[in-house]
Amino acid sequence: MKAVAIQAFGGPEGLAVIDLPDPSPGAGQVLIATEAIGVGGVDAVIRSDLLGVPGFQEGHILGGEVAGTVAAIGEGVDTSWLGRRVWAFTGMGGGYADQVTAAAATLVPLPANLSAVDAVTVGSSGMVAHFGLRHAHFAPGESVLVRGAAGGIGVMAVQLAARGGAGAVAVTTSSAERGDRLRKLGATHVLDRAGETAEDAPASYDVIIDIVAGANMPSLFTKLNPNGRLVAVGAVAGYPPADFGTAMISAFRKSMSFATFSADTVPEPDRRAVTTDLFTATSRGELHAIVHEVLPLRKAVLAHQKMEAGEVFGRIVLTPSGN
């Protein structure tokens, strides 16, 4: 099979297409002939070794989600999965390949009118956005700021906050054109990347969903209301400064909360249930899959270069070589 692996940590040029033996599903697993592979910010974080997360080595295959058809099953897997179109959550890697093994427990059947490309665009991004808002104890009527709203998680967080009855949905993004597109998805206020604006946007918010982290993260504490909650669901800009908690403690009397969120902490049945609901809503036109571009697997380097250049609105999707 063809796969894309990290040959050297660092820039996108460290990725390479390699040939591997065709995989076989183990007990509790299925083999999926992939039709679409999601490209996410976490892939870039792992590839660049930006956070120095242990456990990844050269040769690691990126990719946290795929969609395709179940081609084979392992021991103990219900035979009814054979031949079905499914989405699978592969977690921290394994998805950048034309054949992928995945735990049967992660599988979500695709509605008949939902494409594989749309499935990997909405799947993990929507799941993280959903549980990130839940982690923040978001309630209808509250104001929400989504920092880094043009990426896959961001566009889903905007839609879900608006759909959930937010009193205001503000976004940070890099251009007026992107701001206009985010308004069509439910944003009510558009801020620049520093969180500033000339509009009549709220001065502070009940909930902030942050996909970016990085050096400017401490400034977000100044934009929280009393009892406000900041949840980091990504860190595409790397670590915040070592003293970032100082900004929070200096506003001690506002009773603010900070948390991180990873989908790894969500029980599998809950992940499947939420993803199923997201797919149903998308198939009905209630949510929108924002696909920036579809590229062949062999152009994974280009996909990562586009992400690094800040060109991507929504999600880039890879398809197996030759498609």
C-alpha atoms as a PDB file:
ATOM      1  CA  MET A   1       0.000   0.000   0.000  1.00  0.00           C
ATOM      2  CA  LYS A   2       0.917   3.680  -0.307  1.00  0.00           C
ATOM      3  CA  ALA A   3       1.271   5.753   2.837  1.00  0.00           C
ATOM      4  CA  VAL A   4       2.729   9.114   3.859  1.00  0.00           C
ATOM      5  CA  ALA A   5       5.199   9.006   6.733  1.00  0.00           C
ATOM      6  CA  ILE A   6       7.442  11.418   8.594  1.00  0.00           C
ATOM      7  CA  GLN A   7      10.963  10.932   7.280  1.00  0.00           C
ATOM      8  CA  ALA A   8      12.321  13.893   9.272  1.00  0.00           C
ATOM      9  CA  PHE A   9      10.584  16.065  11.852  1.00  0.00           C
ATOM     10  CA  GLY A  10      10.294  19.727  10.936  1.00  0.00           C
ATOM     11  CA  GLY A  11       8.862  21.267   7.777  1.00  0.00           C
ATOM     12  CA  PRO A  12       6.408  19.704   5.319  1.00  0.00           C
ATOM     13  CA  GLU A  13       9.315  18.534   3.163  1.00  0.00           C
ATOM     14  CA  GLY A  14      10.009  15.923   5.848  1.00  0.00           C
ATOM     15  CA  LEU A  15       6.980  13.949   4.672  1.00  0.00           C
ATOM     16  CA  ALA A  16       7.375  11.260   2.032  1.00  0.00           C
ATOM     17  CA  VAL A  17       5.249   8.696   0.220  1.00  0.00           C
ATOM     18  CA  ILE A  18       6.377   5.182   1.076  1.00  0.00           C
ATOM     19  CA  ASP A  19       5.404   1.636   0.134  1.00  0.00           C
ATOM     20  CA  LEU A  20       4.365  -0.724   2.912  1.00  0.00           C
ATOM     21  CA  PRO A  21       2.999  -4.278   2.972  1.00  0.00           C
ATOM     22  CA  ASP A  22      -0.771  -4.429   2.748  1.00  0.00           C
ATOM     23  CA  PRO A  23      -2.145  -4.473   6.314  1.00  0.00           C
ATOM     24  CA  SER A  24      -4.441  -7.098   7.800  1.00  0.00           C
ATOM     25  CA  PRO A  25      -6.978  -6.343  10.507  1.00  0.00           C
ATOM     26  CA  GLY A  26      -6.296  -7.770  13.930  1.00  0.00           C
ATOM     27  CA  ALA A  27      -8.836  -8.868  16.506  1.00  0.00           C
ATOM     28  CA  GLY A  28     -11.498  -6.195  16.913  1.00  0.00           C
ATOM     29  CA  GLN A  29     -10.295  -4.310  13.844  1.00  0.00           C
ATOM     30  CA  VAL A  30     -11.444  -3.686  10.295  1.00  0.00           C
ATOM     31  CA  LEU A  31      -9.524  -2.903   7.124  1.00  0.00           C
ATOM     32  CA  ILE A  32     -10.778   0.186   5.307  1.00  0.00           C
ATOM     33  CA  ALA A  33     -10.130   0.974   1.656  1.00  0.00           C
ATOM     34  CA  THR A  34      -9.857   4.718   2.110  1.00  0.00           C
ATOM     35  CA  GLU A  35     -11.743   7.180  -0.039  1.00  0.00           C
ATOM     36  CA  ALA A  36     -10.936  10.326   1.961  1.00  0.00           C
ATOM     37  CA  ILE A  37      -8.398  11.283   4.627  1.00  0.00           C
ATOM     38  CA  GLY A  38      -8.728  14.332   6.872  1.00  0.00           C
ATOM     39  CA  VAL A  39      -5.757  16.695   7.204  1.00  0.00           C
ATOM     40  CA  GLY A  40      -5.768  18.503  10.548  1.00  0.00           C
ATOM     41  CA  GLY A  41      -3.759  20.939  12.592  1.00  0.00           C
ATOM     42  CA  VAL A  42      -2.702  18.160  14.958  1.00  0.00           C
ATOM     43  CA  ASP A  43      -0.963  16.486  12.008  1.00  0.00           C
ATOM     44  CA  ALA A  44       1.158  19.606  11.514  1.00  0.00           C
ATOM     45  CA  VAL A  45       1.917  19.817  15.240  1.00  0.00           C
ATOM     46  CA  ILE A  46       3.134  16.196  15.278  1.00  0.00           C
ATOM     47  CA  ARG A  47       5.098  16.568  12.036  1.00  0.00           C
ATOM     48  CA  SER A  48       6.877  19.738  13.159  1.00  0.00           C
ATOM     49  CA  ASP A  49       7.509  18.369  16.670  1.00  0.00           C
ATOM     50  CA  LEU A  50       6.280  21.778  17.804  1.00  0.00           C
ATOM     51  CA  LEU A  51       5.225  20.599  21.257  1.00  0.00           C
ATOM     52  CA  GLY A  52       7.838  17.909  21.713  1.00  0.00           C
ATOM     53  CA  VAL A  53       5.179  15.290  22.478  1.00  0.00           C
ATOM     54  CA  PRO A  54       6.936  11.999  23.284  1.00  0.00           C
ATOM     55  CA  GLY A  55       6.120   8.744  21.539  1.00  0.00           C
ATOM     56  CA  PHE A  56       6.474   9.764  17.892  1.00  0.00           C
ATOM     57  CA  GLN A  57       9.370   8.514  15.788  1.00  0.00           C
ATOM     58  CA  GLU A  58      10.521   8.880  12.200  1.00  0.00           C
ATOM     59  CA  GLY A  59       8.404   6.609  10.061  1.00  0.00           C
ATOM     60  CA  HIS A  60       5.209   7.645  11.845  1.00  0.00           C
ATOM     61  CA  ILE A  61       2.171   7.776   9.556  1.00  0.00           C
ATOM     62  CA  LEU A  62       0.019  10.827  10.179  1.00  0.00           C
ATOM     63  CA  GLY A  63      -3.770  11.056   9.977  1.00  0.00           C
ATOM     64  CA  GLY A  64      -6.487  10.935  12.618  1.00  0.00           C
ATOM     65  CA  GLU A  65      -9.558  10.069  10.547  1.00  0.00           C
ATOM     66  CA  VAL A  66     -10.546   8.351   7.340  1.00  0.00           C
ATOM     67  CA  ALA A  67     -13.675   7.430   5.443  1.00  0.00           C
ATOM     68  CA  GLY A  68     -14.102   4.587   3.004  1.00  0.00           C
ATOM     69  CA  THR A  69     -15.404   1.061   2.613  1.00  0.00           C
ATOM     70  CA  VAL A  70     -14.762  -1.839   4.981  1.00  0.00           C
ATOM     71  CA  ALA A  71     -12.802  -4.380   2.919  1.00  0.00           C
ATOM     72  CA  ALA A  72     -12.016  -6.981   5.592  1.00  0.00           C
ATOM     73  CA  ILE A  73     -12.706  -7.677   9.256  1.00  0.00           C
ATOM     74  CA  GLY A  74     -10.698  -9.183  12.077  1.00  0.00           C
ATOM     75  CA  GLU A  75     -11.653 -11.737  14.675  1.00  0.00           C
ATOM     76  CA  GLY A  76     -14.653 -10.819  16.775  1.00  0.00           C
ATOM     77  CA  VAL A  77     -15.986  -8.114  14.423  1.00  0.00           C
ATOM     78  CA  ASP A  78     -19.605  -8.268  13.294  1.00  0.00           C
ATOM     79  CA  THR A  79     -19.687  -9.435   9.669  1.00  0.00           C
ATOM     80  CA  SER A  80     -22.361  -6.829   8.879  1.00  0.00           C
ATOM     81  CA  TRP A  81     -19.568  -4.207   8.662  1.00  0.00           C
ATOM     82  CA  LEU A  82     -18.175  -5.799   5.484  1.00  0.00           C
ATOM     83  CA  GLY A  83     -18.783  -3.614   2.440  1.00  0.00           C
ATOM     84  CA  ARG A  84     -20.220  -0.701   4.425  1.00  0.00           C
ATOM     85  CA  ARG A  85     -19.208   2.930   3.936  1.00  0.00           C
ATOM     86  CA  VAL A  86     -17.838   4.178   7.235  1.00  0.00           C
ATOM     87  CA  TRP A  87     -15.891   6.884   9.012  1.00  0.00           C
ATOM     88  CA  ALA A  88     -13.185   5.822  11.457  1.00  0.00           C
ATOM     89  CA  PHE A  89     -11.259   7.725  14.123  1.00  0.00           C
ATOM     90  CA  THR A  90      -7.611   6.693  14.026  1.00  0.00           C
ATOM     91  CA  GLY A  91      -6.471   9.110  16.727  1.00  0.00           C
ATOM     92  CA  MET A  92      -2.874  10.306  16.542  1.00  0.00           C
ATOM     93  CA  GLY A  93      -1.932   8.567  13.323  1.00  0.00           C
ATOM     94  CA  GLY A  94      -2.297   5.883  10.692  1.00  0.00           C
ATOM     95  CA  GLY A  95      -4.739   7.610   8.348  1.00  0.00           C
ATOM     96  CA  TYR A  96      -2.474   8.894   5.556  1.00  0.00           C
ATOM     97  CA  ALA A  97      -2.683   5.647   3.577  1.00  0.00           C
ATOM     98  CA  ASP A  98      -4.810   4.017   0.913  1.00  0.00           C
ATOM     99  CA  GLN A  99      -5.554   1.114   3.279  1.00  0.00           C
ATOM    100  CA  VAL A 100      -6.076   1.635   6.992  1.00  0.00           C
ATOM    101  CA  THR A 101      -6.793  -0.661   9.909  1.00  0.00           C
ATOM    102  CA  ALA A 102      -9.033   0.801  12.600  1.00  0.00           C
ATOM    103  CA  ALA A 103     -10.781  -0.409  15.702  1.00  0.00           C
ATOM    104  CA  ALA A 104     -14.316  -1.488  14.895  1.00  0.00           C
ATOM    105  CA  ALA A 105     -15.413   0.344  18.036  1.00  0.00           C
ATOM    106  CA  THR A 106     -14.624   3.689  16.340  1.00  0.00           C
ATOM    107  CA  LEU A 107     -16.696   3.114  13.212  1.00  0.00           C
ATOM    108  CA  VAL A 108     -19.608   5.355  12.289  1.00  0.00           C
ATOM    109  CA  PRO A 109     -21.738   4.404   9.260  1.00  0.00           C
ATOM    110  CA  LEU A 110     -22.123   7.145   6.650  1.00  0.00           C
ATOM    111  CA  PRO A 111     -25.556   8.343   5.593  1.00  0.00           C
ATOM    112  CA  ALA A 112     -26.245   7.433   1.967  1.00  0.00           C
ATOM    113  CA  ASN A 113     -26.084  11.062   0.825  1.00  0.00           C
ATOM    114  CA  LEU A 114     -22.929  12.021   2.758  1.00  0.00           C
ATOM    115  CA  SER A 115     -19.682  11.850   0.792  1.00  0.00           C
ATOM    116  CA  ALA A 116     -16.481  10.472   2.250  1.00  0.00           C
ATOM    117  CA  VAL A 117     -14.864  13.896   1.730  1.00  0.00           C
ATOM    118  CA  ASP A 118     -17.588  15.632   3.746  1.00  0.00           C
ATOM    119  CA  ALA A 119     -17.361  12.968   6.451  1.00  0.00           C
ATOM    120  CA  VAL A 120     -13.678  13.613   7.190  1.00  0.00           C
ATOM    121  CA  THR A 121     -14.282  17.357   6.968  1.00  0.00           C
ATOM    122  CA  VAL A 122     -16.978  17.299   9.641  1.00  0.00           C
ATOM    123  CA  GLY A 123     -15.966  14.222  11.668  1.00  0.00           C
ATOM    124  CA  SER A 124     -13.199  14.883  14.167  1.00  0.00           C
ATOM    125  CA  SER A 125     -13.342  18.682  13.742  1.00  0.00           C
ATOM    126  CA  GLY A 126     -17.025  18.722  14.621  1.00  0.00           C
ATOM    127  CA  MET A 127     -16.531  16.261  17.451  1.00  0.00           C
ATOM    128  CA  VAL A 128     -13.761  18.377  19.024  1.00  0.00           C
ATOM    129  CA  ALA A 129     -15.803  21.558  18.588  1.00  0.00           C
ATOM    130  CA  HIS A 130     -18.861  19.914  20.157  1.00  0.00           C
ATOM    131  CA  PHE A 131     -17.054  18.536  23.181  1.00  0.00           C
ATOM    132  CA  GLY A 132     -14.934  21.683  23.506  1.00  0.00           C
ATOM    133  CA  LEU A 133     -18.101  23.737  23.904  1.00  0.00           C
ATOM    134  CA  ARG A 134     -19.462  21.162  26.330  1.00  0.00           C
ATOM    135  CA  HIS A 135     -16.185  21.237  28.279  1.00  0.00           C
ATOM    136  CA  ALA A 136     -16.672  25.003  28.558  1.00  0.00           C
ATOM    137  CA  HIS A 137     -20.209  24.454  29.932  1.00  0.00           C
ATOM    138  CA  PHE A 138     -21.562  26.611  27.125  1.00  0.00           C
ATOM    139  CA  ALA A 139     -25.244  27.493  27.549  1.00  0.00           C
ATOM    140  CA  PRO A 140     -27.743  29.149  25.178  1.00  0.00           C
ATOM    141  CA  GLY A 141     -27.613  32.943  25.325  1.00  0.00           C
ATOM    142  CA  GLU A 142     -23.920  33.089  26.253  1.00  0.00           C
ATOM    143  CA  SER A 143     -21.337  34.910  24.156  1.00  0.00           C
ATOM    144  CA  VAL A 144     -18.612  32.877  22.460  1.00  0.00           C
ATOM    145  CA  LEU A 145     -15.285  33.850  20.910  1.00  0.00           C
ATOM    146  CA  VAL A 146     -13.625  31.348  18.549  1.00  0.00           C
ATOM    147  CA  ARG A 147      -9.924  32.088  18.115  1.00  0.00           C
ATOM    148  CA  GLY A 148      -8.517  30.663  14.889  1.00  0.00           C
ATOM    149  CA  ALA A 149     -11.966  30.276  13.385  1.00  0.00           C
ATOM    150  CA  ALA A 150     -10.965  29.630   9.759  1.00  0.00           C
ATOM    151  CA  GLY A 151      -9.587  26.134  10.388  1.00  0.00           C
ATOM    152  CA  GLY A 152     -11.498  22.867  10.487  1.00  0.00           C
ATOM    153  CA  ILE A 153     -12.315  22.979  14.207  1.00  0.00           C
ATOM    154  CA  GLY A 154     -13.007  26.699  14.101  1.00  0.00           C
ATOM    155  CA  VAL A 155     -15.626  26.609  11.349  1.00  0.00           C
ATOM    156  CA  MET A 156     -17.416  23.799  13.174  1.00  0.00           C
ATOM    157  CA  ALA A 157     -17.256  25.622  16.532  1.00  0.00           C
ATOM    158  CA  VAL A 158     -18.835  28.691  14.902  1.00  0.00           C
ATOM    159  CA  GLN A 159     -21.663  26.632  13.437  1.00  0.00           C
ATOM    160  CA  LEU A 160     -22.310  24.659  16.615  1.00  0.00           C
ATOM    161  CA  ALA A 161     -22.248  27.721  18.873  1.00  0.00           C
ATOM    162  CA  ALA A 162     -24.710  29.519  16.611  1.00  0.00           C
ATOM    163  CA  ARG A 163     -26.871  26.394  16.347  1.00  0.00           C
ATOM    164  CA  GLY A 164     -26.752  26.072  20.139  1.00  0.00           C
ATOM    165  CA  GLY A 165     -28.277  29.515  20.657  1.00  0.00           C
ATOM    166  CA  ALA A 166     -25.242  31.658  21.475  1.00  0.00           C
ATOM    167  CA  GLY A 167     -26.057  35.289  22.178  1.00  0.00           C
ATOM    168  CA  ALA A 168     -23.041  36.315  20.109  1.00  0.00           C
ATOM    169  CA  VAL A 169     -20.421  34.381  18.143  1.00  0.00           C
ATOM    170  CA  ALA A 170     -17.259  36.392  17.582  1.00  0.00           C
ATOM    171  CA  VAL A 171     -14.337  35.077  15.539  1.00  0.00           C
ATOM    172  CA  THR A 172     -10.718  35.960  14.975  1.00  0.00           C
ATOM    173  CA  THR A 173      -9.458  35.560  11.432  1.00  0.00           C
ATOM    174  CA  SER A 174      -6.971  37.077   9.036  1.00  0.00           C
ATOM    175  CA  SER A 175      -9.052  38.781   6.356  1.00  0.00           C
ATOM    176  CA  ALA A 176     -12.362  40.454   5.603  1.00  0.00           C
ATOM    177  CA  GLU A 177     -13.118  37.787   2.999  1.00  0.00           C
ATOM    178  CA  ARG A 178     -12.765  35.044   5.595  1.00  0.00           C
ATOM    179  CA  GLY A 179     -14.845  37.095   7.992  1.00  0.00           C
ATOM    180  CA  ASP A 180     -17.657  37.266   5.436  1.00  0.00           C
ATOM    181  CA  ARG A 181     -17.544  33.506   4.977  1.00  0.00           C
ATOM    182  CA  LEU A 182     -17.653  32.973   8.753  1.00  0.00           C
ATOM    183  CA  ARG A 183     -20.672  35.282   9.041  1.00  0.00           C
ATOM    184  CA  LYS A 184     -22.509  33.006   6.630  1.00  0.00           C
ATOM    185  CA  LEU A 185     -21.773  30.131   9.011  1.00  0.00           C
ATOM    186  CA  GLY A 186     -23.159  31.963  12.049  1.00  0.00           C
ATOM    187  CA  ALA A 187     -20.529  34.457  13.234  1.00  0.00           C
ATOM    188  CA  THR A 188     -21.970  37.762  14.455  1.00  0.00           C
ATOM    189  CA  HIS A 189     -18.702  39.691  14.939  1.00  0.00           C
ATOM    190  CA  VAL A 190     -15.361  39.506  13.140  1.00  0.00           C
ATOM    191  CA  LEU A 191     -12.129  40.435  14.918  1.00  0.00           C
ATOM    192  CA  ASP A 192      -8.560  40.547  13.668  1.00  0.00           C
ATOM    193  CA  ARG A 193      -6.023  37.983  14.805  1.00  0.00           C
ATOM    194  CA  ALA A 194      -5.168  40.036  17.886  1.00  0.00           C
ATOM    195  CA  GLY A 195      -8.816  39.990  18.921  1.00  0.00           C
ATOM    196  CA  GLU A 196      -9.327  43.679  18.164  1.00  0.00           C
ATOM    197  CA  THR A 197     -12.058  45.217  16.017  1.00  0.00           C
ATOM    198  CA  ALA A 198     -13.716  48.503  15.130  1.00  0.00           C
ATOM    199  CA  GLU A 199     -17.128  46.878  15.311  1.00  0.00           C
ATOM    200  CA  ASP A 200     -19.526  46.901  18.241  1.00  0.00           C
ATOM    201  CA  ALA A 201     -18.326  43.476  19.341  1.00  0.00           C
ATOM    202  CA  PRO A 202     -18.525  42.501  23.008  1.00  0.00           C
ATOM    203  CA  ALA A 203     -15.532  43.592  25.056  1.00  0.00           C
ATOM    204  CA  SER A 204     -15.467  40.199  26.736  1.00  0.00           C
ATOM    205  CA  TYR A 205     -17.047  36.766  26.467  1.00  0.00           C
ATOM    206  CA  ASP A 206     -18.526  33.971  28.521  1.00  0.00           C
ATOM    207  CA  VAL A 207     -16.704  31.266  26.537  1.00  0.00           C
ATOM    208  CA  ILE A 208     -13.532  31.325  24.444  1.00  0.00           C
ATOM    209  CA  ILE A 209     -12.624  28.333  22.278  1.00  0.00           C
ATOM    210  CA  ASP A 210      -8.941  28.580  21.346  1.00  0.00           C
ATOM    211  CA  ILE A 211      -7.378  26.464  18.614  1.00  0.00           C
ATOM    212  CA  VAL A 212      -4.174  28.521  18.449  1.00  0.00           C
ATOM    213  CA  ALA A 213      -2.462  28.843  21.884  1.00  0.00           C
ATOM    214  CA  GLY A 214       1.047  30.310  21.358  1.00  0.00           C
ATOM    215  CA  ALA A 215       2.596  33.555  22.544  1.00  0.00           C
ATOM    216  CA  ASN A 216      -0.592  35.647  22.564  1.00  0.00           C
ATOM    217  CA  MET A 217      -2.666  33.243  24.615  1.00  0.00           C
ATOM    218  CA  PRO A 218      -2.393  35.266  27.899  1.00  0.00           C
ATOM    219  CA  SER A 219      -4.285  38.169  26.297  1.00  0.00           C
ATOM    220  CA  LEU A 220      -7.386  35.993  26.112  1.00  0.00           C
ATOM    221  CA  PHE A 221      -7.857  36.237  29.874  1.00  0.00           C
ATOM    222  CA  THR A 222      -8.568  39.963  29.464  1.00  0.00           C
ATOM    223  CA  LYS A 223     -11.446  39.025  27.162  1.00  0.00           C
ATOM    224  CA  LEU A 224     -13.283  36.768  29.600  1.00  0.00           C
ATOM    225  CA  ASN A 225     -16.352  37.861  31.534  1.00  0.00           C
ATOM    226  CA  PRO A 226     -16.586  37.142  35.266  1.00  0.00           C
ATOM    227  CA  ASN A 227     -17.007  33.355  35.547  1.00  0.00           C
ATOM    228  CA  GLY A 228     -15.811  33.068  31.935  1.00  0.00           C
ATOM    229  CA  ARG A 229     -14.248  29.870  30.614  1.00  0.00           C
ATOM    230  CA  LEU A 230     -11.318  29.519  28.215  1.00  0.00           C
ATOM    231  CA  VAL A 231     -10.848  26.090  26.643  1.00  0.00           C
ATOM    232  CA  ALA A 232      -7.819  25.307  24.480  1.00  0.00           C
ATOM    233  CA  VAL A 233      -8.723  22.631  21.931  1.00  0.00           C
ATOM    234  CA  GLY A 234      -5.523  23.022  19.904  1.00  0.00           C
ATOM    235  CA  ALA A 235      -2.045  24.503  19.956  1.00  0.00           C
ATOM    236  CA  VAL A 236      -1.135  25.123  16.327  1.00  0.00           C
ATOM    237  CA  ALA A 237       1.048  28.099  17.359  1.00  0.00           C
ATOM    238  CA  GLY A 238       2.857  26.141  20.051  1.00  0.00           C
ATOM    239  CA  TYR A 239       3.192  26.664  23.785  1.00  0.00           C
ATOM    240  CA  PRO A 240       2.085  29.880  25.516  1.00  0.00           C
ATOM    241  CA  PRO A 241       4.722  31.781  27.512  1.00  0.00           C
ATOM    242  CA  ALA A 242       5.808  30.053  30.703  1.00  0.00           C
ATOM    243  CA  ASP A 243       4.140  32.730  32.827  1.00  0.00           C
ATOM    244  CA  PHE A 244       0.816  32.745  30.969  1.00  0.00           C
ATOM    245  CA  GLY A 245      -1.026  31.869  34.188  1.00  0.00           C
ATOM    246  CA  THR A 246       0.007  35.233  35.637  1.00  0.00           C
ATOM    247  CA  ALA A 247      -2.648  36.957  33.538  1.00  0.00           C
ATOM    248  CA  MET A 248      -5.289  34.687  34.994  1.00  0.00           C
ATOM    249  CA  ILE A 249      -4.196  35.084  38.599  1.00  0.00           C
ATOM    250  CA  SER A 250      -3.990  38.853  38.213  1.00  0.00           C
ATOM    251  CA  ALA A 251      -7.736  38.807  37.510  1.00  0.00           C
ATOM    252  CA  PHE A 252      -8.403  36.463  40.413  1.00  0.00           C
ATOM    253  CA  ARG A 253     -11.648  38.192  41.444  1.00  0.00           C
ATOM    254  CA  LYS A 254     -13.272  37.426  38.084  1.00  0.00           C
ATOM    255  CA  SER A 255     -13.364  33.672  38.905  1.00  0.00           C
ATOM    256  CA  MET A 256     -12.203  32.672  35.429  1.00  0.00           C
ATOM    257  CA  SER A 257     -11.497  29.093  34.379  1.00  0.00           C
ATOM    258  CA  PHE A 258      -8.937  27.635  31.995  1.00  0.00           C
ATOM    259  CA  ALA A 259      -8.949  24.102  30.609  1.00  0.00           C
ATOM    260  CA  THR A 260      -7.534  22.027  27.805  1.00  0.00           C
ATOM    261  CA  PHE A 261      -9.579  19.524  25.853  1.00  0.00           C
ATOM    262  CA  SER A 262      -8.575  16.433  23.881  1.00  0.00           C
ATOM    263  CA  ALA A 263     -10.923  13.990  22.183  1.00  0.00           C
ATOM    264  CA  ASP A 264      -8.780  11.229  23.679  1.00  0.00           C
ATOM    265  CA  THR A 265     -10.615  11.760  26.980  1.00  0.00           C
ATOM    266  CA  VAL A 266     -14.075  11.135  25.525  1.00  0.00           C
ATOM    267  CA  PRO A 267     -15.450   7.578  25.866  1.00  0.00           C
ATOM    268  CA  GLU A 268     -15.778   5.859  22.505  1.00  0.00           C
ATOM    269  CA  PRO A 269     -19.573   5.464  22.652  1.00  0.00           C
ATOM    270  CA  ASP A 270     -19.945   9.215  23.222  1.00  0.00           C
ATOM    271  CA  ARG A 271     -17.614  10.013  20.313  1.00  0.00           C
ATOM    272  CA  ARG A 272     -19.616   7.752  18.021  1.00  0.00           C
ATOM    273  CA  ALA A 273     -22.967   9.159  19.135  1.00  0.00           C
ATOM    274  CA  VAL A 274     -21.919  12.766  18.572  1.00  0.00           C
ATOM    275  CA  THR A 275     -20.267  12.008  15.234  1.00  0.00           C
ATOM    276  CA  THR A 276     -23.406  10.185  14.098  1.00  0.00           C
ATOM    277  CA  ASP A 277     -25.492  13.262  14.978  1.00  0.00           C
ATOM    278  CA  LEU A 278     -23.053  15.555  13.140  1.00  0.00           C
ATOM    279  CA  PHE A 279     -23.229  13.406  10.015  1.00  0.00           C
ATOM    280  CA  THR A 280     -27.025  13.341  10.137  1.00  0.00           C
ATOM    281  CA  ALA A 281     -27.192  17.126  10.519  1.00  0.00           C
ATOM    282  CA  THR A 282     -24.748  17.598   7.638  1.00  0.00           C
ATOM    283  CA  SER A 283     -26.656  15.224   5.383  1.00  0.00           C
ATOM    284  CA  ARG A 284     -29.780  17.305   6.054  1.00  0.00           C
ATOM    285  CA  GLY A 285     -28.045  20.593   5.281  1.00  0.00           C
ATOM    286  CA  GLU A 286     -28.221  21.795   8.894  1.00  0.00           C
ATOM    287  CA  LEU A 287     -24.402  21.904   9.129  1.00  0.00           C
ATOM    288  CA  HIS A 288     -21.937  22.630   6.350  1.00  0.00           C
ATOM    289  CA  ALA A 289     -18.785  20.710   5.472  1.00  0.00           C
ATOM    290  CA  ILE A 290     -16.257  23.393   4.499  1.00  0.00           C
ATOM    291  CA  VAL A 291     -13.772  21.753   2.155  1.00  0.00           C
ATOM    292  CA  HIS A 292     -10.859  23.961   1.149  1.00  0.00           C
ATOM    293  CA  GLU A 293      -9.374  21.572  -1.390  1.00  0.00           C
ATOM    294  CA  VAL A 294      -9.146  17.888  -2.250  1.00  0.00           C
ATOM    295  CA  LEU A 295      -5.627  16.665  -3.089  1.00  0.00           C
ATOM    296  CA  PRO A 296      -4.210  13.220  -3.889  1.00  0.00           C
ATOM    297  CA  LEU A 297      -2.334  11.450  -1.106  1.00  0.00           C
ATOM    298  CA  ARG A 298       0.943  11.914  -2.961  1.00  0.00           C
ATOM    299  CA  LYS A 299       0.563  15.690  -2.484  1.00  0.00           C
ATOM    300  CA  ALA A 300       0.486  15.572   1.307  1.00  0.00           C
ATOM    301  CA  VAL A 301       3.550  17.859   1.397  1.00  0.00           C
ATOM    302  CA  LEU A 302       1.621  20.483  -0.567  1.00  0.00           C
ATOM    303  CA  ALA A 303      -1.333  20.132   1.808  1.00  0.00           C
ATOM    304  CA  HIS A 304       0.925  20.850   4.777  1.00  0.00           C
ATOM    305  CA  GLN A 305       2.603  23.750   2.968  1.00  0.00           C
ATOM    306  CA  LYS A 306      -0.811  25.323   2.402  1.00  0.00           C
ATOM    307  CA  MET A 307      -1.653  24.929   6.082  1.00  0.00           C
ATOM    308  CA  GLU A 308       1.635  26.503   7.144  1.00  0.00           C
ATOM    309  CA  ALA A 309       1.068  29.425   4.762  1.00  0.00           C
ATOM    310  CA  GLY A 310      -2.317  30.112   6.356  1.00  0.00           C
ATOM    311  CA  GLU A 311      -4.119  29.519   3.068  1.00  0.00           C
ATOM    312  CA  VAL A 312      -6.660  26.989   4.302  1.00  0.00           C
ATOM    313  CA  PHE A 313     -10.276  27.857   5.079  1.00  0.00           C
ATOM    314  CA  GLY A 314     -11.993  24.770   6.456  1.00  0.00           C
ATOM    315  CA  ARG A 315     -10.244  21.497   5.707  1.00  0.00           C
ATOM    316  CA  ILE A 316      -7.929  19.953   3.154  1.00  0.00           C
ATOM    317  CA  VAL A 317      -8.800  16.367   2.294  1.00  0.00           C
ATOM    318  CA  LEU A 318      -6.494  13.756   0.783  1.00  0.00           C
ATOM    319  CA  THR A 319      -7.699  10.958  -1.453  1.00  0.00           C
ATOM    320  CA  PRO A 320      -5.776   7.765  -2.310  1.00  0.00           C
ATOM    321  CA  SER A 321      -3.116   7.970  -5.005  1.00  0.00           C
ATOM    322  CA  GLY A 322      -4.617   8.081  -8.455  1.00  0.00           C
ATOM    323  CA  ASN A 323      -7.911   9.697  -7.315  1.00  0.00           C
END
